[in-house]
Amino acid sequence: HASDIDVLILCGGSATDLPKQTPELAKHFKVVDSFD
């Protein structure tokens, strides 16, 4: 669905999700996260 998405908003948790997801998905999408 990469061609259908302008920005991907990441709503996983900061403990285990975002440290892995944000760097990986930033290779393929414009992303925003709430890493806290």
PDB file of all heavy atoms in Angstrom:
ATOM      1  N   HIS A   1       0.816  -1.210   0.000  1.00  0.00           N
ATOM      2  CA  HIS A   1       0.000   0.000   0.000  1.00  0.00           C
ATOM      3  C   HIS A   1       0.857   1.271   0.000  1.00  0.00           C
ATOM      4  O   HIS A   1       0.330   2.359   0.192  1.00  0.00           O
ATOM      5  CB  HIS A   1      -0.932   0.000   1.208  1.00  0.00           C
ATOM      6  CG  HIS A   1      -1.892  -1.142   1.243  1.00  0.00           C
ATOM      7  ND1 HIS A   1      -3.163  -1.061   0.721  1.00  0.00           N
ATOM      8  CD2 HIS A   1      -1.752  -2.409   1.720  1.00  0.00           C
ATOM      9  CE1 HIS A   1      -3.774  -2.221   0.882  1.00  0.00           C
ATOM     10  NE2 HIS A   1      -2.948  -3.055   1.481  1.00  0.00           N
ATOM     11  N   ALA A   2       2.164   1.103  -0.217  1.00  0.00           N
ATOM     12  CA  ALA A   2       3.072   2.247  -0.112  1.00  0.00           C
ATOM     13  C   ALA A   2       2.676   3.387  -1.052  1.00  0.00           C
ATOM     14  O   ALA A   2       2.758   4.566  -0.682  1.00  0.00           O
ATOM     15  CB  ALA A   2       4.506   1.803  -0.390  1.00  0.00           C
ATOM     16  N   SER A   3       2.215   3.063  -2.246  1.00  0.00           N
ATOM     17  CA  SER A   3       1.874   4.114  -3.216  1.00  0.00           C
ATOM     18  C   SER A   3       0.577   4.828  -2.863  1.00  0.00           C
ATOM     19  O   SER A   3       0.275   5.894  -3.414  1.00  0.00           O
ATOM     20  CB  SER A   3       1.775   3.528  -4.622  1.00  0.00           C
ATOM     21  OG  SER A   3       0.754   2.547  -4.682  1.00  0.00           O
ATOM     22  N   ASP A   4      -0.204   4.261  -1.924  1.00  0.00           N
ATOM     23  CA  ASP A   4      -1.490   4.853  -1.548  1.00  0.00           C
ATOM     24  C   ASP A   4      -1.393   5.753  -0.317  1.00  0.00           C
ATOM     25  O   ASP A   4      -2.364   6.426   0.038  1.00  0.00           O
ATOM     26  CB  ASP A   4      -2.513   3.751  -1.242  1.00  0.00           C
ATOM     27  CG  ASP A   4      -2.726   2.816  -2.413  1.00  0.00           C
ATOM     28  OD1 ASP A   4      -2.695   3.303  -3.564  1.00  0.00           O
ATOM     29  OD2 ASP A   4      -2.906   1.607  -2.173  1.00  0.00           O
ATOM     30  N   ILE A   5      -0.226   5.739   0.348  1.00  0.00           N
ATOM     31  CA  ILE A   5      -0.085   6.420   1.632  1.00  0.00           C
ATOM     32  C   ILE A   5       0.906   7.574   1.522  1.00  0.00           C
ATOM     33  O   ILE A   5       2.060   7.380   1.123  1.00  0.00           O
ATOM     34  CB  ILE A   5       0.382   5.428   2.720  1.00  0.00           C
ATOM     35  CG1 ILE A   5      -0.675   4.347   2.950  1.00  0.00           C
ATOM     36  CG2 ILE A   5       0.688   6.148   4.037  1.00  0.00           C
ATOM     37  CD1 ILE A   5      -0.205   3.202   3.828  1.00  0.00           C
ATOM     38  N   ASP A   6       0.453   8.768   1.884  1.00  0.00           N
ATOM     39  CA  ASP A   6       1.350   9.927   1.919  1.00  0.00           C
ATOM     40  C   ASP A   6       2.144   9.983   3.209  1.00  0.00           C
ATOM     41  O   ASP A   6       3.339  10.305   3.194  1.00  0.00           O
ATOM     42  CB  ASP A   6       0.548  11.224   1.761  1.00  0.00           C
ATOM     43  CG  ASP A   6      -0.100  11.343   0.390  1.00  0.00           C
ATOM     44  OD1 ASP A   6       0.584  11.060  -0.610  1.00  0.00           O
ATOM     45  OD2 ASP A   6      -1.287  11.710   0.323  1.00  0.00           O
ATOM     46  N   VAL A   7       1.505   9.710   4.334  1.00  0.00           N
ATOM     47  CA  VAL A   7       2.174   9.719   5.636  1.00  0.00           C
ATOM     48  C   VAL A   7       1.625   8.560   6.463  1.00  0.00           C
ATOM     49  O   VAL A   7       0.421   8.338   6.517  1.00  0.00           O
ATOM     50  CB  VAL A   7       1.941  11.040   6.407  1.00  0.00           C
ATOM     51  CG1 VAL A   7       2.747  11.044   7.704  1.00  0.00           C
ATOM     52  CG2 VAL A   7       2.302  12.245   5.553  1.00  0.00           C
ATOM     53  N   LEU A   8       2.549   7.849   7.123  1.00  0.00           N
ATOM     54  CA  LEU A   8       2.185   6.744   7.996  1.00  0.00           C
ATOM     55  C   LEU A   8       2.372   7.185   9.447  1.00  0.00           C
ATOM     56  O   LEU A   8       3.464   7.622   9.836  1.00  0.00           O
ATOM     57  CB  LEU A   8       3.059   5.528   7.683  1.00  0.00           C
ATOM     58  CG  LEU A   8       2.770   4.235   8.436  1.00  0.00           C
ATOM     59  CD1 LEU A   8       1.380   3.698   8.069  1.00  0.00           C
ATOM     60  CD2 LEU A   8       3.842   3.186   8.108  1.00  0.00           C
ATOM     61  N   ILE A   9       1.310   7.097  10.242  1.00  0.00           N
ATOM     62  CA  ILE A   9       1.369   7.490  11.649  1.00  0.00           C
ATOM     63  C   ILE A   9       1.526   6.224  12.489  1.00  0.00           C
ATOM     64  O   ILE A   9       0.691   5.326  12.430  1.00  0.00           O
ATOM     65  CB  ILE A   9       0.110   8.272  12.063  1.00  0.00           C
ATOM     66  CG1 ILE A   9      -0.040   9.512  11.174  1.00  0.00           C
ATOM     67  CG2 ILE A   9       0.189   8.670  13.536  1.00  0.00           C
ATOM     68  CD1 ILE A   9      -1.280  10.350  11.478  1.00  0.00           C
ATOM     69  N   LEU A  10       2.605   6.177  13.271  1.00  0.00           N
ATOM     70  CA  LEU A  10       2.949   4.979  14.025  1.00  0.00           C
ATOM     71  C   LEU A  10       2.384   5.074  15.434  1.00  0.00           C
ATOM     72  O   LEU A  10       2.718   5.995  16.187  1.00  0.00           O
ATOM     73  CB  LEU A  10       4.466   4.800  14.074  1.00  0.00           C
ATOM     74  CG  LEU A  10       5.197   4.910  12.725  1.00  0.00           C
ATOM     75  CD1 LEU A  10       6.673   4.580  12.886  1.00  0.00           C
ATOM     76  CD2 LEU A  10       4.550   4.006  11.681  1.00  0.00           C
ATOM     77  N   CYS A  11       1.564   4.116  15.810  1.00  0.00           N
ATOM     78  CA  CYS A  11       0.843   4.165  17.087  1.00  0.00           C
ATOM     79  C   CYS A  11       1.191   3.007  17.999  1.00  0.00           C
ATOM     80  O   CYS A  11       0.421   2.650  18.896  1.00  0.00           O
ATOM     81  CB  CYS A  11      -0.659   4.209  16.826  1.00  0.00           C
ATOM     82  SG  CYS A  11      -1.177   5.682  15.931  1.00  0.00           S
ATOM     83  N   GLY A  12       2.368   2.419  17.808  1.00  0.00           N
ATOM     84  CA  GLY A  12       2.825   1.361  18.700  1.00  0.00           C
ATOM     85  C   GLY A  12       3.417   1.932  19.973  1.00  0.00           C
ATOM     86  O   GLY A  12       3.484   3.149  20.173  1.00  0.00           O
ATOM     87  N   GLY A  13       3.876   1.050  20.848  1.00  0.00           N
ATOM     88  CA  GLY A  13       4.431   1.461  22.127  1.00  0.00           C
ATOM     89  C   GLY A  13       5.900   1.814  22.047  1.00  0.00           C
ATOM     90  O   GLY A  13       6.634   1.334  21.169  1.00  0.00           O
ATOM     91  N   SER A  14       6.333   2.642  22.988  1.00  0.00           N
ATOM     92  CA  SER A  14       7.723   3.102  22.997  1.00  0.00           C
ATOM     93  C   SER A  14       8.692   2.052  23.523  1.00  0.00           C
ATOM     94  O   SER A  14       9.889   2.100  23.224  1.00  0.00           O
ATOM     95  CB  SER A  14       7.850   4.374  23.850  1.00  0.00           C
ATOM     96  OG  SER A  14       7.137   5.431  23.279  1.00  0.00           O
ATOM     97  N   ALA A  15       8.202   1.118  24.324  1.00  0.00           N
ATOM     98  CA  ALA A  15       9.101   0.156  24.953  1.00  0.00           C
ATOM     99  C   ALA A  15       9.728  -0.792  23.930  1.00  0.00           C
ATOM    100  O   ALA A  15      10.953  -0.958  23.890  1.00  0.00           O
ATOM    101  CB  ALA A  15       8.354  -0.643  26.018  1.00  0.00           C
ATOM    102  N   THR A  16       8.901  -1.387  23.077  1.00  0.00           N
ATOM    103  CA  THR A  16       9.425  -2.395  22.152  1.00  0.00           C
ATOM    104  C   THR A  16       9.057  -2.150  20.689  1.00  0.00           C
ATOM    105  O   THR A  16       9.786  -2.585  19.796  1.00  0.00           O
ATOM    106  CB  THR A  16       8.922  -3.800  22.550  1.00  0.00           C
ATOM    107  OG1 THR A  16       7.483  -3.792  22.568  1.00  0.00           O
ATOM    108  CG2 THR A  16       9.432  -4.192  23.928  1.00  0.00           C
ATOM    109  N   ASP A  17       7.937  -1.460  20.413  1.00  0.00           N
ATOM    110  CA  ASP A  17       7.486  -1.294  19.029  1.00  0.00           C
ATOM    111  C   ASP A  17       8.283  -0.235  18.266  1.00  0.00           C
ATOM    112  O   ASP A  17       8.900  -0.519  17.239  1.00  0.00           O
ATOM    113  CB  ASP A  17       5.998  -0.917  18.993  1.00  0.00           C
ATOM    114  CG  ASP A  17       5.098  -2.023  19.505  1.00  0.00           C
ATOM    115  OD1 ASP A  17       5.469  -3.198  19.358  1.00  0.00           O
ATOM    116  OD2 ASP A  17       4.037  -1.703  20.061  1.00  0.00           O
ATOM    117  N   LEU A  18       8.233   1.004  18.743  1.00  0.00           N
ATOM    118  CA  LEU A  18       8.767   2.129  17.973  1.00  0.00           C
ATOM    119  C   LEU A  18      10.284   2.083  17.763  1.00  0.00           C
ATOM    120  O   LEU A  18      10.751   2.490  16.687  1.00  0.00           O
ATOM    121  CB  LEU A  18       8.347   3.455  18.616  1.00  0.00           C
ATOM    122  CG  LEU A  18       6.826   3.692  18.652  1.00  0.00           C
ATOM    123  CD1 LEU A  18       6.505   4.998  19.354  1.00  0.00           C
ATOM    124  CD2 LEU A  18       6.233   3.675  17.245  1.00  0.00           C
ATOM    125  N   PRO A  19      11.079   1.623  18.740  1.00  0.00           N
ATOM    126  CA  PRO A  19      12.525   1.567  18.471  1.00  0.00           C
ATOM    127  C   PRO A  19      12.869   0.726  17.247  1.00  0.00           C
ATOM    128  O   PRO A  19      13.866   0.987  16.565  1.00  0.00           O
ATOM    129  CB  PRO A  19      13.098   0.947  19.752  1.00  0.00           C
ATOM    130  CG  PRO A  19      12.130   1.305  20.811  1.00  0.00           C
ATOM    131  CD  PRO A  19      10.774   1.241  20.134  1.00  0.00           C
ATOM    132  N   LYS A  20      12.043  -0.261  16.958  1.00  0.00           N
ATOM    133  CA  LYS A  20      12.270  -1.102  15.776  1.00  0.00           C
ATOM    134  C   LYS A  20      11.480  -0.604  14.572  1.00  0.00           C
ATOM    135  O   LYS A  20      11.995  -0.508  13.459  1.00  0.00           O
ATOM    136  CB  LYS A  20      11.873  -2.550  16.099  1.00  0.00           C
ATOM    137  CG  LYS A  20      12.058  -3.503  14.937  1.00  0.00           C
ATOM    138  CD  LYS A  20      11.649  -4.916  15.314  1.00  0.00           C
ATOM    139  CE  LYS A  20      11.798  -5.880  14.132  1.00  0.00           C
ATOM    140  NZ  LYS A  20      11.364  -7.262  14.488  1.00  0.00           N
ATOM    141  N   GLN A  21      10.193  -0.262  14.793  1.00  0.00           N
ATOM    142  CA  GLN A  21       9.307   0.073  13.681  1.00  0.00           C
ATOM    143  C   GLN A  21       9.679   1.379  12.992  1.00  0.00           C
ATOM    144  O   GLN A  21       9.676   1.452  11.751  1.00  0.00           O
ATOM    145  CB  GLN A  21       7.862   0.164  14.176  1.00  0.00           C
ATOM    146  CG  GLN A  21       7.210  -1.167  14.460  1.00  0.00           C
ATOM    147  CD  GLN A  21       5.774  -0.996  14.954  1.00  0.00           C
ATOM    148  OE1 GLN A  21       5.338   0.107  15.253  1.00  0.00           O
ATOM    149  NE2 GLN A  21       5.041  -2.089  15.027  1.00  0.00           N
ATOM    150  N   THR A  22       9.953   2.421  13.770  1.00  0.00           N
ATOM    151  CA  THR A  22      10.177   3.726  13.136  1.00  0.00           C
ATOM    152  C   THR A  22      11.377   3.717  12.202  1.00  0.00           C
ATOM    153  O   THR A  22      11.265   4.158  11.045  1.00  0.00           O
ATOM    154  CB  THR A  22      10.292   4.843  14.193  1.00  0.00           C
ATOM    155  OG1 THR A  22       9.210   4.751  15.108  1.00  0.00           O
ATOM    156  CG2 THR A  22      10.265   6.215  13.528  1.00  0.00           C
ATOM    157  N   PRO A  23      12.559   3.235  12.630  1.00  0.00           N
ATOM    158  CA  PRO A  23      13.679   3.194  11.670  1.00  0.00           C
ATOM    159  C   PRO A  23      13.391   2.324  10.455  1.00  0.00           C
ATOM    160  O   PRO A  23      13.754   2.686   9.330  1.00  0.00           O
ATOM    161  CB  PRO A  23      14.838   2.617  12.503  1.00  0.00           C
ATOM    162  CG  PRO A  23      14.466   2.859  13.917  1.00  0.00           C
ATOM    163  CD  PRO A  23      12.971   2.774  13.969  1.00  0.00           C
ATOM    164  N   GLU A  24      12.724   1.198  10.660  1.00  0.00           N
ATOM    165  CA  GLU A  24      12.459   0.301   9.542  1.00  0.00           C
ATOM    166  C   GLU A  24      11.466   0.923   8.549  1.00  0.00           C
ATOM    167  O   GLU A  24      11.692   0.917   7.333  1.00  0.00           O
ATOM    168  CB  GLU A  24      11.911  -1.027  10.076  1.00  0.00           C
ATOM    169  CG  GLU A  24      11.634  -2.061   8.992  1.00  0.00           C
ATOM    170  CD  GLU A  24      12.869  -2.445   8.188  1.00  0.00           C
ATOM    171  OE1 GLU A  24      13.965  -2.492   8.779  1.00  0.00           O
ATOM    172  OE2 GLU A  24      12.730  -2.678   6.965  1.00  0.00           O
ATOM    173  N   LEU A  25      10.391   1.501   9.060  1.00  0.00           N
ATOM    174  CA  LEU A  25       9.365   2.050   8.174  1.00  0.00           C
ATOM    175  C   LEU A  25       9.771   3.380   7.563  1.00  0.00           C
ATOM    176  O   LEU A  25       9.287   3.748   6.490  1.00  0.00           O
ATOM    177  CB  LEU A  25       8.047   2.191   8.944  1.00  0.00           C
ATOM    178  CG  LEU A  25       7.400   0.853   9.329  1.00  0.00           C
ATOM    179  CD1 LEU A  25       6.224   1.059  10.272  1.00  0.00           C
ATOM    180  CD2 LEU A  25       6.954   0.087   8.082  1.00  0.00           C
ATOM    181  N   ALA A  26      10.681   4.111   8.219  1.00  0.00           N
ATOM    182  CA  ALA A  26      11.151   5.382   7.666  1.00  0.00           C
ATOM    183  C   ALA A  26      11.942   5.192   6.372  1.00  0.00           C
ATOM    184  O   ALA A  26      12.139   6.148   5.621  1.00  0.00           O
ATOM    185  CB  ALA A  26      12.006   6.124   8.691  1.00  0.00           C
ATOM    186  N   LYS A  27      12.376   3.972   6.098  1.00  0.00           N
ATOM    187  CA  LYS A  27      13.048   3.698   4.832  1.00  0.00           C
ATOM    188  C   LYS A  27      12.071   3.766   3.662  1.00  0.00           C
ATOM    189  O   LYS A  27      12.467   4.026   2.521  1.00  0.00           O
ATOM    190  CB  LYS A  27      13.670   2.292   4.857  1.00  0.00           C
ATOM    191  CG  LYS A  27      14.758   2.082   5.886  1.00  0.00           C
ATOM    192  CD  LYS A  27      15.192   0.615   5.882  1.00  0.00           C
ATOM    193  CE  LYS A  27      16.202   0.319   6.962  1.00  0.00           C
ATOM    194  NZ  LYS A  27      16.546  -1.129   7.020  1.00  0.00           N
ATOM    195  N   HIS A  28      10.779   3.535   3.940  1.00  0.00           N
ATOM    196  CA  HIS A  28       9.795   3.367   2.878  1.00  0.00           C
ATOM    197  C   HIS A  28       8.635   4.360   2.917  1.00  0.00           C
ATOM    198  O   HIS A  28       7.903   4.483   1.938  1.00  0.00           O
ATOM    199  CB  HIS A  28       9.219   1.942   2.947  1.00  0.00           C
ATOM    200  CG  HIS A  28      10.257   0.868   3.031  1.00  0.00           C
ATOM    201  ND1 HIS A  28      11.060   0.509   1.960  1.00  0.00           N
ATOM    202  CD2 HIS A  28      10.662   0.097   4.080  1.00  0.00           C
ATOM    203  CE1 HIS A  28      11.893  -0.444   2.331  1.00  0.00           C
ATOM    204  NE2 HIS A  28      11.672  -0.724   3.603  1.00  0.00           N
ATOM    205  N   PHE A  29       8.479   5.060   4.063  1.00  0.00           N
ATOM    206  CA  PHE A  29       7.344   5.968   4.233  1.00  0.00           C
ATOM    207  C   PHE A  29       7.774   7.262   4.922  1.00  0.00           C
ATOM    208  O   PHE A  29       8.762   7.279   5.668  1.00  0.00           O
ATOM    209  CB  PHE A  29       6.251   5.331   5.114  1.00  0.00           C
ATOM    210  CG  PHE A  29       5.626   4.095   4.567  1.00  0.00           C
ATOM    211  CD1 PHE A  29       6.172   2.841   4.856  1.00  0.00           C
ATOM    212  CD2 PHE A  29       4.482   4.156   3.779  1.00  0.00           C
ATOM    213  CE1 PHE A  29       5.582   1.682   4.367  1.00  0.00           C
ATOM    214  CE2 PHE A  29       3.893   3.008   3.291  1.00  0.00           C
ATOM    215  CZ  PHE A  29       4.440   1.763   3.579  1.00  0.00           C
ATOM    216  N   LYS A  30       7.004   8.313   4.699  1.00  0.00           N
ATOM    217  CA  LYS A  30       7.063   9.467   5.606  1.00  0.00           C
ATOM    218  C   LYS A  30       6.335   9.036   6.868  1.00  0.00           C
ATOM    219  O   LYS A  30       5.201   8.549   6.799  1.00  0.00           O
ATOM    220  CB  LYS A  30       6.388  10.683   4.972  1.00  0.00           C
ATOM    221  CG  LYS A  30       7.080  11.166   3.698  1.00  0.00           C
ATOM    222  CD  LYS A  30       6.370  12.341   3.082  1.00  0.00           C
ATOM    223  CE  LYS A  30       5.149  11.917   2.273  1.00  0.00           C
ATOM    224  NZ  LYS A  30       5.508  11.153   1.067  1.00  0.00           N
ATOM    225  N   VAL A  31       6.972   9.213   8.030  1.00  0.00           N
ATOM    226  CA  VAL A  31       6.390   8.687   9.265  1.00  0.00           C
ATOM    227  C   VAL A  31       6.390   9.743  10.376  1.00  0.00           C
ATOM    228  O   VAL A  31       7.176  10.690  10.368  1.00  0.00           O
ATOM    229  CB  VAL A  31       7.152   7.432   9.774  1.00  0.00           C
ATOM    230  CG1 VAL A  31       7.088   6.308   8.748  1.00  0.00           C
ATOM    231  CG2 VAL A  31       8.593   7.755  10.126  1.00  0.00           C
ATOM    232  N   VAL A  32       5.476   9.530  11.325  1.00  0.00           N
ATOM    233  CA  VAL A  32       5.429  10.324  12.553  1.00  0.00           C
ATOM    234  C   VAL A  32       5.208   9.339  13.693  1.00  0.00           C
ATOM    235  O   VAL A  32       4.372   8.435  13.584  1.00  0.00           O
ATOM    236  CB  VAL A  32       4.282  11.362  12.526  1.00  0.00           C
ATOM    237  CG1 VAL A  32       4.270  12.177  13.827  1.00  0.00           C
ATOM    238  CG2 VAL A  32       4.421  12.283  11.339  1.00  0.00           C
ATOM    239  N   ASP A  33       5.977   9.512  14.801  1.00  0.00           N
ATOM    240  CA  ASP A  33       5.747   8.645  15.954  1.00  0.00           C
ATOM    241  C   ASP A  33       5.657   9.455  17.242  1.00  0.00           C
ATOM    242  O   ASP A  33       5.903  10.666  17.260  1.00  0.00           O
ATOM    243  CB  ASP A  33       6.799   7.521  16.038  1.00  0.00           C
ATOM    244  CG  ASP A  33       8.138   7.927  16.662  1.00  0.00           C
ATOM    245  OD1 ASP A  33       8.240   9.009  17.273  1.00  0.00           O
ATOM    246  OD2 ASP A  33       9.117   7.145  16.536  1.00  0.00           O
ATOM    247  N   SER A  34       5.285   8.755  18.324  1.00  0.00           N
ATOM    248  CA  SER A  34       5.133   9.404  19.630  1.00  0.00           C
ATOM    249  C   SER A  34       6.094   8.786  20.650  1.00  0.00           C
ATOM    250  O   SER A  34       5.759   8.662  21.828  1.00  0.00           O
ATOM    251  CB  SER A  34       3.691   9.277  20.131  1.00  0.00           C
ATOM    252  OG  SER A  34       3.340   7.904  20.277  1.00  0.00           O
ATOM    253  N   PHE A  35       7.279   8.416  20.213  1.00  0.00           N
ATOM    254  CA  PHE A  35       8.277   7.798  21.095  1.00  0.00           C
ATOM    255  C   PHE A  35       8.503   8.691  22.309  1.00  0.00           C
ATOM    256  O   PHE A  35       8.879   9.860  22.169  1.00  0.00           O
ATOM    257  CB  PHE A  35       9.588   7.595  20.335  1.00  0.00           C
ATOM    258  CG  PHE A  35      10.654   6.905  21.141  1.00  0.00           C
ATOM    259  CD1 PHE A  35      10.611   5.526  21.320  1.00  0.00           C
ATOM    260  CD2 PHE A  35      11.693   7.614  21.711  1.00  0.00           C
ATOM    261  CE1 PHE A  35      11.594   4.881  22.052  1.00  0.00           C
ATOM    262  CE2 PHE A  35      12.677   6.979  22.451  1.00  0.00           C
ATOM    263  CZ  PHE A  35      12.630   5.610  22.624  1.00  0.00           C
ATOM    264  N   ASP A  36       8.281   8.151  23.520  1.00  0.00           N
ATOM    265  CA  ASP A  36       8.282   9.018  24.694  1.00  0.00           C
ATOM    266  C   ASP A  36       9.222   8.584  25.811  1.00  0.00           C
ATOM    267  O   ASP A  36       9.081   9.029  26.959  1.00  0.00           O
ATOM    268  CB  ASP A  36       6.861   9.174  25.244  1.00  0.00           C
ATOM    269  CG  ASP A  36       6.280   7.865  25.773  1.00  0.00           C
ATOM    270  OD1 ASP A  36       6.963   6.821  25.708  1.00  0.00           O
ATOM    271  OD2 ASP A  36       5.130   7.887  26.266  1.00  0.00           O
TER     272      ASP A  36
END
